[in-house]
Every structure is written in C-alpha cells, then in structure tokens.
Amino acid sequence: MDRNALGLDPTRPHWVPAVVAPVRDWEGVPGCRRGARFLIDRHNCRPARSDFPVFDTRAECLRWIMAHRLELNRNAPAAPVVPVDLARWMLGLA
C-alpha cells in the first residue's frame, strides 16, 4: 500500500524505493557525493529525501519500481533503484 511515512507501525517492516549515487556529481542529483543515498519521490520519480512512497511488502515496492522504470531510468541514470526496508535505510544499513 502506497502511503505517507508519518504514522507508520514501527513493529513491522515498510518498503521504499531507494538509489545510491554511483559517481560524484551524479546526473540524477548534481553536486552530490559518490555513495549518497536517496529515496525516490513519489510524484516525479526523482531521487529525493522526502515525499516517497511506502509499501507493506517488498513485492508491492518492486511492482511500483517496475511500473515507473522508464521515469526512474531517465531521472536516476546508471543507478539501480531497489526496494529497501525503510528502518534499515534510516539507520544506514541498507
């Protein structure tokens, strides 16, 4: 289920689309450092740190990524967008 991250149940995992900048000053986020981590904005399918979709399962997140793959390839070039556990991402573990 796609929804806002505020008010999520902390007792279970939530999945979000994420990407890592493959190079310094990456075309997807000009001025960023190599290895910078971003979530994907739900509206314009660009790397961001807010307004991201949240899903109950990894499969739902992966379906969203596949449904938006053209926009993601255009807005996050040369970097795979993958589903990650939001809590692990926030801790820097994913």
C-alpha atoms as a PDB file:
ATOM      1  CA  MET A   1       0.000   0.000   0.000  1.00  0.00           C
ATOM      2  CA  ASP A   2       1.376   3.378  -1.043  1.00  0.00           C
ATOM      3  CA  ARG A   3       1.076   5.937   1.776  1.00  0.00           C
ATOM      4  CA  ASN A   4       2.796   8.660   3.756  1.00  0.00           C
ATOM      5  CA  ALA A   5       5.639   7.604   6.070  1.00  0.00           C
ATOM      6  CA  LEU A   6       4.189   9.510   9.034  1.00  0.00           C
ATOM      7  CA  GLY A   7       2.359   7.328  11.499  1.00  0.00           C
ATOM      8  CA  LEU A   8       3.753   4.003  10.303  1.00  0.00           C
ATOM      9  CA  ASP A   9       3.536   0.956  12.550  1.00  0.00           C
ATOM     10  CA  PRO A  10       7.079   0.525  13.953  1.00  0.00           C
ATOM     11  CA  THR A  11       6.530  -3.169  14.716  1.00  0.00           C
ATOM     12  CA  ARG A  12       6.690  -4.296  11.095  1.00  0.00           C
ATOM     13  CA  PRO A  13       8.804  -3.529   8.024  1.00  0.00           C
ATOM     14  CA  HIS A  14       7.909  -0.902   5.432  1.00  0.00           C
ATOM     15  CA  TRP A  15       9.458  -0.860   1.974  1.00  0.00           C
ATOM     16  CA  VAL A  16      10.590   2.137  -0.077  1.00  0.00           C
ATOM     17  CA  PRO A  17      12.367   2.603  -3.425  1.00  0.00           C
ATOM     18  CA  ALA A  18      15.973   3.751  -2.949  1.00  0.00           C
ATOM     19  CA  VAL A  19      19.040   4.544  -5.035  1.00  0.00           C
ATOM     20  CA  VAL A  20      22.742   5.207  -4.379  1.00  0.00           C
ATOM     21  CA  ALA A  21      24.668   7.809  -6.387  1.00  0.00           C
ATOM     22  CA  PRO A  22      27.194   5.848  -8.480  1.00  0.00           C
ATOM     23  CA  VAL A  23      29.573   8.798  -9.011  1.00  0.00           C
ATOM     24  CA  ARG A  24      30.386  12.234  -7.616  1.00  0.00           C
ATOM     25  CA  ASP A  25      28.226  14.983  -9.127  1.00  0.00           C
ATOM     26  CA  TRP A  26      25.842  12.332 -10.470  1.00  0.00           C
ATOM     27  CA  GLU A  27      23.427  13.436 -13.175  1.00  0.00           C
ATOM     28  CA  GLY A  28      20.486  12.270 -11.020  1.00  0.00           C
ATOM     29  CA  VAL A  29      21.454  14.698  -8.220  1.00  0.00           C
ATOM     30  CA  PRO A  30      24.038  17.212  -9.432  1.00  0.00           C
ATOM     31  CA  GLY A  31      26.513  18.183  -6.727  1.00  0.00           C
ATOM     32  CA  CYS A  32      26.105  15.024  -4.651  1.00  0.00           C
ATOM     33  CA  ARG A  33      28.961  12.835  -3.470  1.00  0.00           C
ATOM     34  CA  ARG A  34      29.562   9.293  -4.684  1.00  0.00           C
ATOM     35  CA  GLY A  35      27.632   6.865  -2.466  1.00  0.00           C
ATOM     36  CA  ALA A  36      24.982   9.407  -1.400  1.00  0.00           C
ATOM     37  CA  ARG A  37      21.734   7.596  -0.603  1.00  0.00           C
ATOM     38  CA  PHE A  38      18.330   8.793  -1.766  1.00  0.00           C
ATOM     39  CA  LEU A  39      14.751   7.638  -1.692  1.00  0.00           C
ATOM     40  CA  ILE A  40      12.550   8.219  -4.733  1.00  0.00           C
ATOM     41  CA  ASP A  41       9.944  10.989  -4.810  1.00  0.00           C
ATOM     42  CA  ARG A  42       6.503   9.502  -5.452  1.00  0.00           C
ATOM     43  CA  HIS A  43       5.339  12.243  -7.836  1.00  0.00           C
ATOM     44  CA  ASN A  44       8.251  12.930 -10.167  1.00  0.00           C
ATOM     45  CA  CYS A  45      10.240   9.671  -9.746  1.00  0.00           C
ATOM     46  CA  ARG A  46      13.446  11.567  -8.912  1.00  0.00           C
ATOM     47  CA  PRO A  47      15.984  10.906  -6.166  1.00  0.00           C
ATOM     48  CA  ALA A  48      14.908  12.791  -3.031  1.00  0.00           C
ATOM     49  CA  ARG A  49      14.764  12.517   0.734  1.00  0.00           C
ATOM     50  CA  SER A  50      11.074  13.236   1.234  1.00  0.00           C
ATOM     51  CA  ASP A  51       7.647  12.530  -0.251  1.00  0.00           C
ATOM     52  CA  PHE A  52       8.485   8.906  -1.023  1.00  0.00           C
ATOM     53  CA  PRO A  53       6.002   6.040  -1.427  1.00  0.00           C
ATOM     54  CA  VAL A  54       5.805   3.452   1.354  1.00  0.00           C
ATOM     55  CA  PHE A  55       4.672  -0.138   0.790  1.00  0.00           C
ATOM     56  CA  ASP A  56       3.669  -3.019   3.063  1.00  0.00           C
ATOM     57  CA  THR A  57       5.686  -5.608   1.160  1.00  0.00           C
ATOM     58  CA  ARG A  58       8.877  -5.788  -0.862  1.00  0.00           C
ATOM     59  CA  ALA A  59       6.846  -7.192  -3.769  1.00  0.00           C
ATOM     60  CA  GLU A  60       4.500  -4.163  -3.821  1.00  0.00           C
ATOM     61  CA  CYS A  61       7.509  -1.839  -3.830  1.00  0.00           C
ATOM     62  CA  LEU A  62       9.149  -3.789  -6.634  1.00  0.00           C
ATOM     63  CA  ARG A  63       5.911  -3.638  -8.669  1.00  0.00           C
ATOM     64  CA  TRP A  64       5.886   0.172  -8.244  1.00  0.00           C
ATOM     65  CA  ILE A  65       9.532   0.362  -9.356  1.00  0.00           C
ATOM     66  CA  MET A  66       8.787  -1.746 -12.433  1.00  0.00           C
ATOM     67  CA  ALA A  67       5.688   0.309 -13.284  1.00  0.00           C
ATOM     68  CA  HIS A  68       7.789   3.511 -13.172  1.00  0.00           C
ATOM     69  CA  ARG A  69      11.011   2.119 -14.650  1.00  0.00           C
ATOM     70  CA  LEU A  70      11.066   4.469 -17.666  1.00  0.00           C
ATOM     71  CA  GLU A  71      10.867   7.589 -15.484  1.00  0.00           C
ATOM     72  CA  LEU A  72      13.336   6.115 -12.983  1.00  0.00           C
ATOM     73  CA  ASN A  73      15.855   5.271 -15.719  1.00  0.00           C
ATOM     74  CA  ARG A  74      15.568   8.823 -17.037  1.00  0.00           C
ATOM     75  CA  ASN A  75      15.754  10.538 -13.616  1.00  0.00           C
ATOM     76  CA  ALA A  76      18.237   8.204 -11.897  1.00  0.00           C
ATOM     77  CA  PRO A  77      20.540   7.177 -14.768  1.00  0.00           C
ATOM     78  CA  ALA A  78      23.184   4.468 -14.363  1.00  0.00           C
ATOM     79  CA  ALA A  79      21.999   3.520 -10.870  1.00  0.00           C
ATOM     80  CA  PRO A  80      19.632   0.696  -9.902  1.00  0.00           C
ATOM     81  CA  VAL A  81      16.526   1.661  -7.945  1.00  0.00           C
ATOM     82  CA  VAL A  82      15.858  -1.093  -5.420  1.00  0.00           C
ATOM     83  CA  PRO A  83      13.293  -1.808  -2.690  1.00  0.00           C
ATOM     84  CA  VAL A  84      14.733  -1.375   0.814  1.00  0.00           C
ATOM     85  CA  ASP A  85      13.410  -1.691   4.345  1.00  0.00           C
ATOM     86  CA  LEU A  86      12.773   1.907   5.494  1.00  0.00           C
ATOM     87  CA  ALA A  87      14.030   1.333   9.058  1.00  0.00           C
ATOM     88  CA  ARG A  88      17.283  -0.203   7.795  1.00  0.00           C
ATOM     89  CA  TRP A  89      17.697   2.640   5.283  1.00  0.00           C
ATOM     90  CA  MET A  90      17.211   5.253   8.017  1.00  0.00           C
ATOM     91  CA  LEU A  91      19.895   3.521  10.108  1.00  0.00           C
ATOM     92  CA  GLY A  92      22.273   3.432   7.129  1.00  0.00           C
ATOM     93  CA  LEU A  93      22.177  -0.360   6.931  1.00  0.00           C
ATOM     94  CA  ALA A  94      20.510  -0.596   3.509  1.00  0.00           C
END
